[in-house]
Amino acid sequence: MSARANAQNHRRGWRSILVTGQINDSTLTRLREGMRIYRLNPDSKLVLSGGGAFEPVPETEIISRLTMDQGLDLRDIEVESRSKDTGDQARVIKSLCRRWR
């Protein structure tokens, strides 16, 4: 399925997870580890970060659907998809963490 069709499906609210080349093995490994740590720490938050500068659907939106399918509490998931690079991600996440203190 093309990236355009993938984005159209997303806008329609389809629940199917359409994993493309956008989600690679290292991303899935980091997600699994983040979910493991989240589950070991009650009252914690899981921050999913990564902008969509070059993709029609930000990676974090696809990953957030994967976390929902795994039964994570949506109130504990923060999706940050505005950042454009790693430095920007760090700044945005830092401000999120300050809100939770």
Protein backbone atom coordinates (compact mmCIF):
# COMPACT_ATOMS: atom_id res chain seq x y z
CA MET A 1 0.00 0.00 0.00
CA SER A 2 1.33 3.43 -0.88
CA ALA A 3 2.12 6.16 1.65
CA ARG A 4 -0.75 8.22 0.20
CA ALA A 5 -3.23 5.36 0.72
CA ASN A 6 -1.79 4.85 4.19
CA ALA A 7 -2.44 8.53 5.04
CA GLN A 8 -5.98 8.33 3.61
CA ASN A 9 -6.72 5.28 5.75
CA HIS A 10 -5.40 7.11 8.79
CA ARG A 11 -7.64 10.12 8.13
CA ARG A 12 -10.64 7.81 7.78
CA GLY A 13 -9.91 6.48 11.25
CA TRP A 14 -9.21 2.91 10.21
CA ARG A 15 -7.97 0.87 13.17
CA SER A 16 -5.73 -1.37 11.08
CA ILE A 17 -2.03 -0.87 11.62
CA LEU A 18 -0.32 -0.38 8.31
CA VAL A 19 3.35 -0.82 9.08
CA THR A 20 5.45 0.57 6.29
CA GLY A 21 9.16 1.21 5.86
CA GLN A 22 8.51 4.14 8.16
CA ILE A 23 8.56 1.79 11.18
CA ASN A 24 11.78 -0.19 11.33
CA ASP A 25 13.15 -2.83 13.70
CA SER A 26 15.04 -0.36 15.90
CA THR A 27 11.89 1.75 16.35
CA LEU A 28 9.90 -1.32 17.38
CA THR A 29 12.68 -2.40 19.77
CA ARG A 30 12.68 1.04 21.45
CA LEU A 31 8.88 0.93 21.67
CA ARG A 32 8.88 -2.54 23.28
CA GLU A 33 11.47 -1.41 25.83
CA GLY A 34 9.54 1.79 26.56
CA MET A 35 6.33 -0.18 27.13
CA ARG A 36 8.18 -2.63 29.40
CA ILE A 37 9.58 0.21 31.54
CA TYR A 38 6.17 1.94 31.56
CA ARG A 39 4.48 -1.21 32.88
CA LEU A 40 7.12 -1.62 35.62
CA ASN A 41 6.51 1.93 36.89
CA PRO A 42 2.97 2.65 38.06
CA ASP A 43 1.81 6.25 37.54
CA SER A 44 4.41 6.80 34.81
CA LYS A 45 3.96 8.34 31.38
CA LEU A 46 5.14 7.08 28.01
CA VAL A 47 6.35 9.78 25.64
CA LEU A 48 6.28 8.93 21.95
CA SER A 49 8.37 11.42 20.07
CA GLY A 50 9.22 11.96 16.45
CA GLY A 51 8.00 14.40 13.89
CA GLY A 52 6.78 13.65 10.44
CA ALA A 53 8.89 16.06 8.44
CA PHE A 54 9.33 13.64 5.54
CA GLU A 55 6.33 11.32 5.88
CA PRO A 56 2.60 11.89 5.25
CA VAL A 57 1.74 10.42 8.68
CA PRO A 58 4.08 11.12 11.63
CA GLU A 59 5.78 7.98 12.95
CA THR A 60 4.44 8.71 16.43
CA GLU A 61 0.85 8.47 15.24
CA ILE A 62 1.47 4.98 13.88
CA ILE A 63 3.33 3.97 17.04
CA SER A 64 0.57 5.34 19.28
CA ARG A 65 -1.89 3.02 17.57
CA LEU A 66 0.44 0.12 18.35
CA THR A 67 0.46 1.10 22.05
CA MET A 68 -3.35 1.23 22.07
CA ASP A 69 -3.47 -2.25 20.58
CA GLN A 70 -1.20 -3.39 23.43
CA GLY A 71 -3.66 -2.07 26.02
CA LEU A 72 -1.73 0.91 27.37
CA ASP A 73 -3.79 3.57 29.12
CA LEU A 74 -4.21 6.44 26.66
CA ARG A 75 -4.16 8.95 29.53
CA ASP A 76 -0.54 7.93 30.18
CA ILE A 77 0.65 8.35 26.60
CA GLU A 78 1.98 11.67 25.34
CA VAL A 79 2.42 11.91 21.57
CA GLU A 80 4.89 14.55 20.44
CA SER A 81 4.93 14.87 16.66
CA ARG A 82 5.80 18.55 16.16
CA SER A 83 9.58 18.26 16.47
CA LYS A 84 11.69 18.51 13.34
CA ASP A 85 15.00 17.06 14.60
CA THR A 86 16.61 15.44 17.65
CA GLY A 87 17.48 18.77 19.29
CA ASP A 88 13.93 19.95 18.87
CA GLN A 89 12.65 16.68 20.38
CA ALA A 90 14.80 17.21 23.46
CA ARG A 91 13.46 20.75 23.97
CA VAL A 92 9.83 19.70 23.57
CA ILE A 93 10.17 16.67 25.86
CA LYS A 94 11.92 18.78 28.49
CA SER A 95 8.95 21.15 28.58
CA LEU A 96 6.55 18.17 28.83
CA CYS A 97 8.46 16.79 31.81
CA ARG A 98 8.27 20.14 33.58
CA ARG A 99 4.47 20.08 33.27
CA TRP A 100 4.30 16.70 35.05
CA ARG A 101 6.25 17.74 38.15
